[in-house]
C-alpha atoms as a PDB file:
ATOM      1  CA  UNK A   1      30.847   4.877 -51.568  1.00  0.00           C
ATOM      2  CA  UNK A   2      27.380   5.720 -50.453  1.00  0.00           C
ATOM      3  CA  UNK A   3      24.894   5.639 -53.098  1.00  0.00           C
ATOM      4  CA  UNK A   4      22.329   8.435 -53.505  1.00  0.00           C
ATOM      5  CA  UNK A   5      18.832   7.721 -52.460  1.00  0.00           C
ATOM      6  CA  UNK A   6      16.478   6.909 -55.224  1.00  0.00           C
ATOM      7  CA  UNK A   7      13.551   8.565 -53.594  1.00  0.00           C
ATOM      8  CA  UNK A   8      13.469  12.204 -53.139  1.00  0.00           C
ATOM      9  CA  UNK A   9      12.250  13.817 -49.733  1.00  0.00           C
ATOM     10  CA  UNK A  10       8.386  14.378 -50.104  1.00  0.00           C
ATOM     11  CA  UNK A  11       7.302  17.913 -50.374  1.00  0.00           C
ATOM     12  CA  UNK A  12       4.415  19.174 -48.059  1.00  0.00           C
ATOM     13  CA  UNK A  13       2.022  18.830 -51.094  1.00  0.00           C
ATOM     14  CA  UNK A  14       2.928  15.208 -51.713  1.00  0.00           C
ATOM     15  CA  UNK A  15       2.617  14.385 -48.046  1.00  0.00           C
ATOM     16  CA  UNK A  16      -0.899  15.922 -48.184  1.00  0.00           C
ATOM     17  CA  UNK A  17      -1.636  13.715 -51.071  1.00  0.00           C
ATOM     18  CA  UNK A  18      -0.499  10.578 -49.196  1.00  0.00           C
ATOM     19  CA  UNK A  19      -2.801  11.556 -46.331  1.00  0.00           C
ATOM     20  CA  UNK A  20      -5.624  11.755 -48.682  1.00  0.00           C
ATOM     21  CA  UNK A  21      -4.947   8.227 -49.945  1.00  0.00           C
ATOM     22  CA  UNK A  22      -4.799   7.017 -46.511  1.00  0.00           C
ATOM     23  CA  UNK A  23      -7.993   8.760 -45.503  1.00  0.00           C
ATOM     24  CA  UNK A  24      -9.746   7.285 -48.659  1.00  0.00           C
ATOM     25  CA  UNK A  25      -8.515   3.714 -47.686  1.00  0.00           C
ATOM     26  CA  UNK A  26      -9.926   4.033 -44.185  1.00  0.00           C
ATOM     27  CA  UNK A  27     -13.211   5.199 -45.518  1.00  0.00           C
ATOM     28  CA  UNK A  28     -13.352   2.246 -47.924  1.00  0.00           C
ATOM     29  CA  UNK A  29     -12.397  -0.111 -45.094  1.00  0.00           C
ATOM     30  CA  UNK A  30     -15.082   1.272 -42.853  1.00  0.00           C
ATOM     31  CA  UNK A  31     -17.726   1.017 -45.526  1.00  0.00           C
ATOM     32  CA  UNK A  32     -16.644  -2.536 -46.437  1.00  0.00           C
ATOM     33  CA  UNK A  33     -17.101  -3.422 -42.685  1.00  0.00           C
ATOM     34  CA  UNK A  34     -20.583  -2.150 -42.726  1.00  0.00           C
ATOM     35  CA  UNK A  35     -21.456  -4.163 -45.646  1.00  0.00           C
ATOM     36  CA  UNK A  36     -20.439  -7.521 -44.192  1.00  0.00           C
ATOM     37  CA  UNK A  37     -23.224  -9.904 -43.405  1.00  0.00           C
ATOM     38  CA  UNK A  38     -23.119 -10.110 -39.611  1.00  0.00           C
ATOM     39  CA  UNK A  39     -25.698 -12.899 -39.540  1.00  0.00           C
ATOM     40  CA  UNK A  40     -23.463 -14.999 -41.685  1.00  0.00           C
ATOM     41  CA  UNK A  41     -20.362 -14.303 -39.590  1.00  0.00           C
ATOM     42  CA  UNK A  42     -22.323 -15.202 -36.492  1.00  0.00           C
ATOM     43  CA  UNK A  43     -23.254 -18.444 -38.172  1.00  0.00           C
ATOM     44  CA  UNK A  44     -19.433 -19.100 -38.692  1.00  0.00           C
ATOM     45  CA  UNK A  45     -18.770 -18.345 -35.083  1.00  0.00           C
ATOM     46  CA  UNK A  46     -21.462 -20.748 -34.106  1.00  0.00           C
ATOM     47  CA  UNK A  47     -19.786 -23.436 -36.228  1.00  0.00           C
ATOM     48  CA  UNK A  48     -16.459 -22.884 -34.561  1.00  0.00           C
ATOM     49  CA  UNK A  49     -17.961 -22.942 -31.004  1.00  0.00           C
ATOM     50  CA  UNK A  50     -19.995 -26.100 -31.704  1.00  0.00           C
ATOM     51  CA  UNK A  51     -16.903 -27.931 -33.147  1.00  0.00           C
ATOM     52  CA  UNK A  52     -14.751 -27.010 -30.297  1.00  0.00           C
ATOM     53  CA  UNK A  53     -17.523 -27.882 -27.677  1.00  0.00           C
ATOM     54  CA  UNK A  54     -18.079 -31.144 -29.297  1.00  0.00           C
ATOM     55  CA  UNK A  55     -14.310 -31.993 -29.024  1.00  0.00           C
ATOM     56  CA  UNK A  56     -13.796 -31.725 -32.835  1.00  0.00           C
ATOM     57  CA  UNK A  57     -10.887 -29.982 -34.577  1.00  0.00           C
ATOM     58  CA  UNK A  58     -11.039 -26.765 -36.482  1.00  0.00           C
ATOM     59  CA  UNK A  59      -8.601 -26.522 -39.362  1.00  0.00           C
ATOM     60  CA  UNK A  60      -7.788 -23.152 -41.062  1.00  0.00           C
ATOM     61  CA  UNK A  61      -6.070 -22.597 -44.528  1.00  0.00           C
ATOM     62  CA  UNK A  62      -5.199 -19.664 -46.619  1.00  0.00           C
ATOM     63  CA  UNK A  63      -2.262 -18.590 -49.020  1.00  0.00           C
ATOM     64  CA  UNK A  64      -0.036 -15.485 -48.615  1.00  0.00           C
ATOM     65  CA  UNK A  65      -1.354 -12.937 -46.354  1.00  0.00           C
ATOM     66  CA  UNK A  66      -4.287 -15.246 -45.688  1.00  0.00           C
ATOM     67  CA  UNK A  67      -1.880 -17.873 -44.438  1.00  0.00           C
ATOM     68  CA  UNK A  68      -0.695 -15.415 -41.732  1.00  0.00           C
ATOM     69  CA  UNK A  69      -4.353 -14.627 -40.933  1.00  0.00           C
ATOM     70  CA  UNK A  70      -4.950 -18.380 -40.511  1.00  0.00           C
ATOM     71  CA  UNK A  71      -2.137 -18.557 -37.979  1.00  0.00           C
ATOM     72  CA  UNK A  72      -3.651 -15.620 -36.199  1.00  0.00           C
ATOM     73  CA  UNK A  73      -7.150 -17.081 -35.979  1.00  0.00           C
ATOM     74  CA  UNK A  74      -5.729 -20.454 -34.825  1.00  0.00           C
ATOM     75  CA  UNK A  75      -3.856 -18.660 -31.979  1.00  0.00           C
ATOM     76  CA  UNK A  76      -6.935 -16.461 -30.925  1.00  0.00           C
ATOM     77  CA  UNK A  77      -9.483 -19.234 -31.090  1.00  0.00           C
ATOM     78  CA  UNK A  78      -7.448 -21.833 -29.269  1.00  0.00           C
ATOM     79  CA  UNK A  79      -6.537 -19.277 -26.601  1.00  0.00           C
ATOM     80  CA  UNK A  80     -10.147 -18.100 -25.975  1.00  0.00           C
ATOM     81  CA  UNK A  81     -11.315 -21.737 -26.023  1.00  0.00           C
ATOM     82  CA  UNK A  82      -8.848 -22.430 -23.202  1.00  0.00           C
ATOM     83  CA  UNK A  83     -10.269 -19.415 -21.275  1.00  0.00           C
ATOM     84  CA  UNK A  84     -13.718 -20.869 -21.741  1.00  0.00           C
ATOM     85  CA  UNK A  85     -12.610 -24.053 -20.029  1.00  0.00           C
ATOM     86  CA  UNK A  86     -11.777 -26.201 -23.172  1.00  0.00           C
ATOM     87  CA  UNK A  87      -8.346 -27.460 -22.043  1.00  0.00           C
ATOM     88  CA  UNK A  88      -7.714 -29.532 -25.229  1.00  0.00           C
ATOM     89  CA  UNK A  89      -9.196 -27.348 -27.898  1.00  0.00           C
ATOM     90  CA  UNK A  90      -7.804 -28.278 -31.263  1.00  0.00           C
ATOM     91  CA  UNK A  91      -7.560 -25.317 -33.517  1.00  0.00           C
ATOM     92  CA  UNK A  92      -4.859 -25.863 -36.287  1.00  0.00           C
ATOM     93  CA  UNK A  93      -3.587 -23.533 -39.129  1.00  0.00           C
ATOM     94  CA  UNK A  94      -2.602 -25.689 -42.005  1.00  0.00           C
ATOM     95  CA  UNK A  95       0.046 -23.245 -43.127  1.00  0.00           C
ATOM     96  CA  UNK A  96       1.981 -23.034 -39.847  1.00  0.00           C
ATOM     97  CA  UNK A  97       4.452 -25.674 -40.580  1.00  0.00           C
ATOM     98  CA  UNK A  98       6.427 -24.200 -43.511  1.00  0.00           C
ATOM     99  CA  UNK A  99       8.665 -27.125 -43.785  1.00  0.00           C
ATOM    100  CA  UNK A 100       5.670 -29.541 -44.206  1.00  0.00           C
ATOM    101  CA  UNK A 101       3.820 -27.298 -46.585  1.00  0.00           C
ATOM    102  CA  UNK A 102       6.889 -26.782 -48.845  1.00  0.00           C
ATOM    103  CA  UNK A 103       7.665 -30.524 -48.699  1.00  0.00           C
ATOM    104  CA  UNK A 104       4.105 -31.301 -49.914  1.00  0.00           C
ATOM    105  CA  UNK A 105       4.414 -28.789 -52.673  1.00  0.00           C
ATOM    106  CA  UNK A 106       7.784 -30.200 -53.746  1.00  0.00           C
ATOM    107  CA  UNK A 107       6.934 -33.875 -53.430  1.00  0.00           C
ATOM    108  CA  UNK A 108       3.374 -33.813 -54.664  1.00  0.00           C
ATOM    109  CA  UNK A 109       2.052 -30.471 -55.989  1.00  0.00           C
ATOM    110  CA  UNK A 110       1.027 -27.266 -54.566  1.00  0.00           C
ATOM    111  CA  UNK A 111      -2.588 -27.855 -55.194  1.00  0.00           C
ATOM    112  CA  UNK A 112      -2.528 -30.525 -52.762  1.00  0.00           C
ATOM    113  CA  UNK A 113      -0.705 -28.898 -49.744  1.00  0.00           C
ATOM    114  CA  UNK A 114      -3.831 -28.390 -47.701  1.00  0.00           C
ATOM    115  CA  UNK A 115      -5.985 -31.388 -49.069  1.00  0.00           C
ATOM    116  CA  UNK A 116      -3.276 -33.806 -47.973  1.00  0.00           C
ATOM    117  CA  UNK A 117      -3.286 -32.390 -44.521  1.00  0.00           C
ATOM    118  CA  UNK A 118      -7.008 -32.531 -44.235  1.00  0.00           C
ATOM    119  CA  UNK A 119      -6.779 -36.260 -45.285  1.00  0.00           C
ATOM    120  CA  UNK A 120      -4.187 -36.829 -42.501  1.00  0.00           C
ATOM    121  CA  UNK A 121      -6.026 -35.205 -39.666  1.00  0.00           C
ATOM    122  CA  UNK A 122      -9.649 -34.337 -40.645  1.00  0.00           C
ATOM    123  CA  UNK A 123     -12.600 -36.408 -39.497  1.00  0.00           C
ATOM    124  CA  UNK A 124     -16.269 -36.350 -39.549  1.00  0.00           C
ATOM    125  CA  UNK A 125     -17.661 -33.737 -37.412  1.00  0.00           C
ATOM    126  CA  UNK A 126     -14.487 -31.461 -37.778  1.00  0.00           C
ATOM    127  CA  UNK A 127     -14.555 -27.989 -39.419  1.00  0.00           C
ATOM    128  CA  UNK A 128     -12.515 -26.554 -42.188  1.00  0.00           C
ATOM    129  CA  UNK A 129     -12.232 -22.692 -42.537  1.00  0.00           C
ATOM    130  CA  UNK A 130     -10.800 -21.248 -45.791  1.00  0.00           C
ATOM    131  CA  UNK A 131      -9.517 -17.696 -46.352  1.00  0.00           C
ATOM    132  CA  UNK A 132      -9.156 -16.214 -49.750  1.00  0.00           C
ATOM    133  CA  UNK A 133      -9.323 -12.850 -51.538  1.00  0.00           C
ATOM    134  CA  UNK A 134      -9.741 -14.341 -55.016  1.00  0.00           C
ATOM    135  CA  UNK A 135     -11.968 -17.180 -53.964  1.00  0.00           C
ATOM    136  CA  UNK A 136     -10.355 -19.266 -56.829  1.00  0.00           C
ATOM    137  CA  UNK A 137      -7.234 -20.830 -55.232  1.00  0.00           C
ATOM    138  CA  UNK A 138      -6.869 -24.313 -56.456  1.00  0.00           C
ATOM    139  CA  UNK A 139      -5.392 -25.595 -53.257  1.00  0.00           C
ATOM    140  CA  UNK A 140      -8.355 -24.328 -51.333  1.00  0.00           C
ATOM    141  CA  UNK A 141     -10.779 -25.951 -53.730  1.00  0.00           C
ATOM    142  CA  UNK A 142      -9.021 -29.209 -53.441  1.00  0.00           C
ATOM    143  CA  UNK A 143      -9.124 -28.915 -49.578  1.00  0.00           C
ATOM    144  CA  UNK A 144     -12.851 -28.272 -49.634  1.00  0.00           C
ATOM    145  CA  UNK A 145     -13.564 -31.201 -51.795  1.00  0.00           C
ATOM    146  CA  UNK A 146     -11.343 -33.369 -49.591  1.00  0.00           C
ATOM    147  CA  UNK A 147     -12.990 -32.025 -46.440  1.00  0.00           C
ATOM    148  CA  UNK A 148     -16.420 -32.980 -47.654  1.00  0.00           C
ATOM    149  CA  UNK A 149     -15.268 -36.580 -48.640  1.00  0.00           C
ATOM    150  CA  UNK A 150     -14.117 -36.862 -45.053  1.00  0.00           C
ATOM    151  CA  UNK A 151     -17.314 -35.567 -43.470  1.00  0.00           C
ATOM    152  CA  UNK A 152     -16.064 -32.103 -42.373  1.00  0.00           C
ATOM    153  CA  UNK A 153     -18.250 -28.848 -42.574  1.00  0.00           C
ATOM    154  CA  UNK A 154     -16.568 -26.269 -44.725  1.00  0.00           C
ATOM    155  CA  UNK A 155     -16.897 -22.580 -44.398  1.00  0.00           C
ATOM    156  CA  UNK A 156     -15.013 -19.601 -46.101  1.00  0.00           C
ATOM    157  CA  UNK A 157     -14.408 -15.939 -45.689  1.00  0.00           C
ATOM    158  CA  UNK A 158     -13.789 -14.714 -49.141  1.00  0.00           C
ATOM    159  CA  UNK A 159     -13.087 -11.483 -51.096  1.00  0.00           C
ATOM    160  CA  UNK A 160     -14.798 -13.007 -54.211  1.00  0.00           C
ATOM    161  CA  UNK A 161     -17.379 -15.890 -54.452  1.00  0.00           C
ATOM    162  CA  UNK A 162     -15.171 -17.853 -56.779  1.00  0.00           C
ATOM    163  CA  UNK A 163     -14.730 -21.544 -57.292  1.00  0.00           C
ATOM    164  CA  UNK A 164     -14.077 -22.092 -53.630  1.00  0.00           C
ATOM    165  CA  UNK A 165     -17.606 -20.835 -52.778  1.00  0.00           C
ATOM    166  CA  UNK A 166     -19.052 -23.736 -54.889  1.00  0.00           C
ATOM    167  CA  UNK A 167     -17.602 -26.194 -52.307  1.00  0.00           C
ATOM    168  CA  UNK A 168     -18.545 -24.591 -49.063  1.00  0.00           C
ATOM    169  CA  UNK A 169     -21.462 -24.963 -46.649  1.00  0.00           C
ATOM    170  CA  UNK A 170     -21.402 -21.281 -45.722  1.00  0.00           C
ATOM    171  CA  UNK A 171     -19.588 -18.283 -47.292  1.00  0.00           C
ATOM    172  CA  UNK A 172     -18.986 -14.823 -46.025  1.00  0.00           C
ATOM    173  CA  UNK A 173     -17.880 -12.194 -48.591  1.00  0.00           C
ATOM    174  CA  UNK A 174     -15.893  -9.138 -47.516  1.00  0.00           C
ATOM    175  CA  UNK A 175     -13.802  -6.430 -49.293  1.00  0.00           C
ATOM    176  CA  UNK A 176     -15.107  -6.879 -52.900  1.00  0.00           C
ATOM    177  CA  UNK A 177     -11.949  -8.597 -53.837  1.00  0.00           C
ATOM    178  CA  UNK A 178      -9.617  -5.685 -52.951  1.00  0.00           C
ATOM    179  CA  UNK A 179      -6.575  -7.390 -51.391  1.00  0.00           C
ATOM    180  CA  UNK A 180      -5.992  -4.852 -48.561  1.00  0.00           C
ATOM    181  CA  UNK A 181      -9.548  -4.450 -47.589  1.00  0.00           C
ATOM    182  CA  UNK A 182     -10.413  -8.141 -47.744  1.00  0.00           C
ATOM    183  CA  UNK A 183      -7.389  -9.207 -45.667  1.00  0.00           C
ATOM    184  CA  UNK A 184      -7.995  -6.438 -43.117  1.00  0.00           C
ATOM    185  CA  UNK A 185     -11.603  -7.197 -42.819  1.00  0.00           C
ATOM    186  CA  UNK A 186     -10.921 -11.035 -42.377  1.00  0.00           C
ATOM    187  CA  UNK A 187      -8.762 -10.268 -39.420  1.00  0.00           C
ATOM    188  CA  UNK A 188     -11.432  -7.861 -38.047  1.00  0.00           C
ATOM    189  CA  UNK A 189     -13.916 -10.607 -38.409  1.00  0.00           C
ATOM    190  CA  UNK A 190     -11.627 -12.845 -36.421  1.00  0.00           C
ATOM    191  CA  UNK A 191     -11.628 -10.450 -33.636  1.00  0.00           C
ATOM    192  CA  UNK A 192     -15.467 -10.013 -33.790  1.00  0.00           C
ATOM    193  CA  UNK A 193     -15.674 -13.870 -33.555  1.00  0.00           C
ATOM    194  CA  UNK A 194     -13.371 -13.777 -30.524  1.00  0.00           C
ATOM    195  CA  UNK A 195     -15.777 -11.418 -28.953  1.00  0.00           C
ATOM    196  CA  UNK A 196     -18.621 -13.764 -29.588  1.00  0.00           C
ATOM    197  CA  UNK A 197     -16.632 -16.433 -27.838  1.00  0.00           C
ATOM    198  CA  UNK A 198     -16.117 -14.015 -24.817  1.00  0.00           C
ATOM    199  CA  UNK A 199     -19.864 -13.484 -24.549  1.00  0.00           C
ATOM    200  CA  UNK A 200     -19.686 -10.060 -26.007  1.00  0.00           C
ATOM    201  CA  UNK A 201     -16.956  -8.838 -23.616  1.00  0.00           C
ATOM    202  CA  UNK A 202     -14.058  -6.705 -24.979  1.00  0.00           C
ATOM    203  CA  UNK A 203     -10.612  -8.129 -24.568  1.00  0.00           C
ATOM    204  CA  UNK A 204      -8.483  -5.206 -23.408  1.00  0.00           C
ATOM    205  CA  UNK A 205      -4.781  -5.181 -22.112  1.00  0.00           C
ATOM    206  CA  UNK A 206      -4.552  -5.158 -18.386  1.00  0.00           C
ATOM    207  CA  UNK A 207      -8.172  -6.262 -17.799  1.00  0.00           C
ATOM    208  CA  UNK A 208      -8.651  -9.448 -15.863  1.00  0.00           C
ATOM    209  CA  UNK A 209     -11.657 -11.601 -16.829  1.00  0.00           C
ATOM    210  CA  UNK A 210     -14.067 -11.994 -14.007  1.00  0.00           C
ATOM    211  CA  UNK A 211     -15.148 -15.374 -15.395  1.00  0.00           C
ATOM    212  CA  UNK A 212     -14.411 -17.474 -18.418  1.00  0.00           C
ATOM    213  CA  UNK A 213     -17.060 -17.022 -21.241  1.00  0.00           C
ATOM    214  CA  UNK A 214     -20.164 -19.154 -20.782  1.00  0.00           C
ATOM    215  CA  UNK A 215     -19.461 -19.390 -17.015  1.00  0.00           C
ATOM    216  CA  UNK A 216     -20.839 -16.033 -15.655  1.00  0.00           C
ATOM    217  CA  UNK A 217     -22.476 -16.446 -12.384  1.00  0.00           C
ATOM    218  CA  UNK A 218     -21.208 -19.802 -11.571  1.00  0.00           C
END
């Protein structure tokens, strides 16, 4: 027997209310974007470029939605480093191997899932990028502490300057702790940094690059 739908069909008035909520969110997102410290984001981009150019490793970590953003960033930064001529760029998300992450959580404890990976692969001159809405995630705090012990630079994109910020060399705040706004803005900042890596050129589908970033006129 087919059960009845628990949600009734929205009336025209309700749909108008939904549109109002969407419009409000988009206005908040635009306002949040304009409040981001572009100079600080540029410094983060510089840290990433310098680390890759020097042959170092960029490690990225986050929980939940920020874990998927970490994966997205690792993909974008590695791909654009390749286009720029860095054939062996090392950009790794510490959340991408779910089997390893859950093994560490189960065998040690969840607060160590990123710190253990930093101990295993991090070295002096490398860069750790942390993503968090709360800014208080214990596993990110432990990762930052471990990174400094290993000689890494630590930067963070946060929604709130919580405990994580106390262990970072550079912090960018965005979204005022609102989960949706912060996570959306973090992904937008990723794409802004990709444009930095591309020398300011947009990356549009179907457009072939005339030359890799940094090699114009060669």
